[in-house]
Amino acid sequence: MESKYTLNDVDNSNTSTSQSSTQVLPVFSLTSQNTTATTTTY
């Protein structure tokens, strides 16, 4: 039972980590685009 819980915890942490990094990438690209647009405006 303990090993099962440990495996589940590891899977959950890996899933949350991959999800968070996936969410960060679009935001980062949007920020880069905004910075480029602002620089182009100036």
PDB file of N, CA and C in Angstrom:
ATOM      1  N   MET A   1       0.834  -1.203   0.000  1.00  0.00           N
ATOM      2  CA  MET A   1       0.000   0.000   0.000  1.00  0.00           C
ATOM      3  C   MET A   1       0.877   1.267   0.000  1.00  0.00           C
ATOM      4  N   GLU A   2       1.891   1.280   0.839  1.00  0.00           N
ATOM      5  CA  GLU A   2       2.726   2.481   0.919  1.00  0.00           C
ATOM      6  C   GLU A   2       3.411   2.765  -0.417  1.00  0.00           C
ATOM      7  N   SER A   3       3.932   1.705  -1.049  1.00  0.00           N
ATOM      8  CA  SER A   3       4.610   1.900  -2.324  1.00  0.00           C
ATOM      9  C   SER A   3       3.626   2.432  -3.369  1.00  0.00           C
ATOM     10  N   LYS A   4       2.382   1.969  -3.324  1.00  0.00           N
ATOM     11  CA  LYS A   4       1.375   2.480  -4.265  1.00  0.00           C
ATOM     12  C   LYS A   4       1.181   3.979  -4.069  1.00  0.00           C
ATOM     13  N   TYR A   5       1.045   4.383  -2.812  1.00  0.00           N
ATOM     14  CA  TYR A   5       0.841   5.806  -2.551  1.00  0.00           C
ATOM     15  C   TYR A   5       2.046   6.623  -3.016  1.00  0.00           C
ATOM     16  N   THR A   6       3.231   6.069  -2.789  1.00  0.00           N
ATOM     17  CA  THR A   6       4.431   6.784  -3.202  1.00  0.00           C
ATOM     18  C   THR A   6       4.450   6.955  -4.724  1.00  0.00           C
ATOM     19  N   LEU A   7       4.109   5.891  -5.440  1.00  0.00           N
ATOM     20  CA  LEU A   7       4.092   5.984  -6.901  1.00  0.00           C
ATOM     21  C   LEU A   7       3.058   7.009  -7.348  1.00  0.00           C
ATOM     22  N   ASN A   8       1.896   7.005  -6.710  1.00  0.00           N
ATOM     23  CA  ASN A   8       0.863   7.976  -7.074  1.00  0.00           C
ATOM     24  C   ASN A   8       1.344   9.399  -6.813  1.00  0.00           C
ATOM     25  N   ASP A   9       2.006   9.593  -5.697  1.00  0.00           N
ATOM     26  CA  ASP A   9       2.505  10.928  -5.372  1.00  0.00           C
ATOM     27  C   ASP A   9       3.509  11.394  -6.430  1.00  0.00           C
ATOM     28  N   VAL A  10       4.392  10.491  -6.835  1.00  0.00           N
ATOM     29  CA  VAL A  10       5.388  10.851  -7.848  1.00  0.00           C
ATOM     30  C   VAL A  10       4.696  11.179  -9.168  1.00  0.00           C
ATOM     31  N   ASP A  11       3.719  10.373  -9.553  1.00  0.00           N
ATOM     32  CA  ASP A  11       2.987  10.637 -10.794  1.00  0.00           C
ATOM     33  C   ASP A  11       2.281  11.986 -10.719  1.00  0.00           C
ATOM     34  N   ASN A  12       1.661  12.265  -9.584  1.00  0.00           N
ATOM     35  CA  ASN A  12       0.951  13.536  -9.440  1.00  0.00           C
ATOM     36  C   ASN A  12       1.913  14.711  -9.521  1.00  0.00           C
ATOM     37  N   SER A  13       3.047  14.610  -8.873  1.00  0.00           N
ATOM     38  CA  SER A  13       4.004  15.710  -8.891  1.00  0.00           C
ATOM     39  C   SER A  13       4.547  15.899 -10.311  1.00  0.00           C
ATOM     40  N   ASN A  14       4.817  14.810 -11.016  1.00  0.00           N
ATOM     41  CA  ASN A  14       5.303  14.925 -12.389  1.00  0.00           C
ATOM     42  C   ASN A  14       4.249  15.566 -13.280  1.00  0.00           C
ATOM     43  N   THR A  15       2.993  15.170 -13.097  1.00  0.00           N
ATOM     44  CA  THR A  15       1.919  15.730 -13.914  1.00  0.00           C
ATOM     45  C   THR A  15       1.767  17.219 -13.643  1.00  0.00           C
ATOM     46  N   SER A  16       1.762  17.598 -12.384  1.00  0.00           N
ATOM     47  CA  SER A  16       1.593  19.012 -12.045  1.00  0.00           C
ATOM     48  C   SER A  16       2.781  19.818 -12.565  1.00  0.00           C
ATOM     49  N   THR A  17       3.977  19.250 -12.507  1.00  0.00           N
ATOM     50  CA  THR A  17       5.155  19.961 -12.985  1.00  0.00           C
ATOM     51  C   THR A  17       5.072  20.169 -14.494  1.00  0.00           C
ATOM     52  N   SER A  18       4.695  19.141 -15.227  1.00  0.00           N
ATOM     53  CA  SER A  18       4.598  19.268 -16.673  1.00  0.00           C
ATOM     54  C   SER A  18       3.483  20.234 -17.036  1.00  0.00           C
ATOM     55  N   GLN A  19       2.388  20.215 -16.294  1.00  0.00           N
ATOM     56  CA  GLN A  19       1.295  21.144 -16.575  1.00  0.00           C
ATOM     57  C   GLN A  19       1.734  22.581 -16.329  1.00  0.00           C
ATOM     58  N   SER A  20       2.415  22.826 -15.217  1.00  0.00           N
ATOM     59  CA  SER A  20       2.824  24.187 -14.889  1.00  0.00           C
ATOM     60  C   SER A  20       3.808  24.705 -15.943  1.00  0.00           C
ATOM     61  N   SER A  21       4.761  23.884 -16.372  1.00  0.00           N
ATOM     62  CA  SER A  21       5.716  24.325 -17.380  1.00  0.00           C
ATOM     63  C   SER A  21       5.012  24.557 -18.711  1.00  0.00           C
ATOM     64  N   THR A  22       3.994  23.757 -19.011  1.00  0.00           N
ATOM     65  CA  THR A  22       3.232  23.957 -20.244  1.00  0.00           C
ATOM     66  C   THR A  22       2.470  25.269 -20.182  1.00  0.00           C
ATOM     67  N   GLN A  23       1.966  25.623 -19.020  1.00  0.00           N
ATOM     68  CA  GLN A  23       1.239  26.883 -18.883  1.00  0.00           C
ATOM     69  C   GLN A  23       2.195  28.072 -18.920  1.00  0.00           C
ATOM     70  N   VAL A  24       3.406  27.887 -18.435  1.00  0.00           N
ATOM     71  CA  VAL A  24       4.361  28.993 -18.386  1.00  0.00           C
ATOM     72  C   VAL A  24       4.825  29.359 -19.793  1.00  0.00           C
ATOM     73  N   LEU A  25       5.004  28.372 -20.658  1.00  0.00           N
ATOM     74  CA  LEU A  25       5.543  28.642 -21.992  1.00  0.00           C
ATOM     75  C   LEU A  25       4.668  29.606 -22.789  1.00  0.00           C
ATOM     76  N   PRO A  26       3.350  29.389 -22.910  1.00  0.00           N
ATOM     77  CA  PRO A  26       2.517  30.348 -23.650  1.00  0.00           C
ATOM     78  C   PRO A  26       2.586  31.745 -23.040  1.00  0.00           C
ATOM     79  N   VAL A  27       2.572  31.837 -21.722  1.00  0.00           N
ATOM     80  CA  VAL A  27       2.648  33.147 -21.074  1.00  0.00           C
ATOM     81  C   VAL A  27       3.977  33.817 -21.399  1.00  0.00           C
ATOM     82  N   PHE A  28       5.040  33.039 -21.377  1.00  0.00           N
ATOM     83  CA  PHE A  28       6.363  33.591 -21.671  1.00  0.00           C
ATOM     84  C   PHE A  28       6.418  34.089 -23.115  1.00  0.00           C
ATOM     85  N   SER A  29       5.853  33.324 -24.050  1.00  0.00           N
ATOM     86  CA  SER A  29       5.866  33.740 -25.452  1.00  0.00           C
ATOM     87  C   SER A  29       5.013  34.989 -25.634  1.00  0.00           C
ATOM     88  N   LEU A  30       3.884  35.064 -24.921  1.00  0.00           N
ATOM     89  CA  LEU A  30       3.053  36.268 -24.995  1.00  0.00           C
ATOM     90  C   LEU A  30       3.820  37.474 -24.466  1.00  0.00           C
ATOM     91  N   THR A  31       4.539  37.285 -23.375  1.00  0.00           N
ATOM     92  CA  THR A  31       5.333  38.377 -22.812  1.00  0.00           C
ATOM     93  C   THR A  31       6.407  38.810 -23.805  1.00  0.00           C
ATOM     94  N   SER A  32       7.024  37.862 -24.473  1.00  0.00           N
ATOM     95  CA  SER A  32       8.056  38.192 -25.454  1.00  0.00           C
ATOM     96  C   SER A  32       7.441  38.975 -26.610  1.00  0.00           C
ATOM     97  N   GLN A  33       6.260  38.561 -27.054  1.00  0.00           N
ATOM     98  CA  GLN A  33       5.593  39.270 -28.147  1.00  0.00           C
ATOM     99  C   GLN A  33       5.244  40.692 -27.721  1.00  0.00           C
ATOM    100  N   ASN A  34       4.737  40.855 -26.494  1.00  0.00           N
ATOM    101  CA  ASN A  34       4.393  42.190 -26.010  1.00  0.00           C
ATOM    102  C   ASN A  34       5.633  43.070 -25.936  1.00  0.00           C
ATOM    103  N   THR A  35       6.731  42.501 -25.472  1.00  0.00           N
ATOM    104  CA  THR A  35       7.974  43.268 -25.379  1.00  0.00           C
ATOM    105  C   THR A  35       8.435  43.676 -26.772  1.00  0.00           C
ATOM    106  N   THR A  36       8.330  42.764 -27.731  1.00  0.00           N
ATOM    107  CA  THR A  36       8.741  43.078 -29.098  1.00  0.00           C
ATOM    108  C   THR A  36       7.846  44.161 -29.682  1.00  0.00           C
ATOM    109  N   ALA A  37       6.539  44.057 -29.439  1.00  0.00           N
ATOM    110  CA  ALA A  37       5.603  45.049 -29.966  1.00  0.00           C
ATOM    111  C   ALA A  37       5.902  46.412 -29.353  1.00  0.00           C
ATOM    112  N   THR A  38       6.171  46.432 -28.054  1.00  0.00           N
ATOM    113  CA  THR A  38       6.474  47.701 -27.389  1.00  0.00           C
ATOM    114  C   THR A  38       7.762  48.292 -27.948  1.00  0.00           C
ATOM    115  N   THR A  39       8.755  47.455 -28.155  1.00  0.00           N
ATOM    116  CA  THR A  39      10.023  47.940 -28.695  1.00  0.00           C
ATOM    117  C   THR A  39       9.825  48.472 -30.108  1.00  0.00           C
ATOM    118  N   THR A  40       9.000  47.784 -30.897  1.00  0.00           N
ATOM    119  CA  THR A  40       8.738  48.239 -32.262  1.00  0.00           C
ATOM    120  C   THR A  40       8.005  49.572 -32.245  1.00  0.00           C
ATOM    121  N   THR A  41       7.098  49.753 -31.286  1.00  0.00           N
ATOM    122  CA  THR A  41       6.353  51.017 -31.198  1.00  0.00           C
ATOM    123  C   THR A  41       7.300  52.171 -30.901  1.00  0.00           C
ATOM    124  N   TYR A  42       8.229  51.934 -29.985  1.00  0.00           N
ATOM    125  CA  TYR A  42       9.186  52.987 -29.679  1.00  0.00           C
ATOM    126  C   TYR A  42      10.127  53.198 -30.862  1.00  0.00           C
TER     127      TYR A  42
END
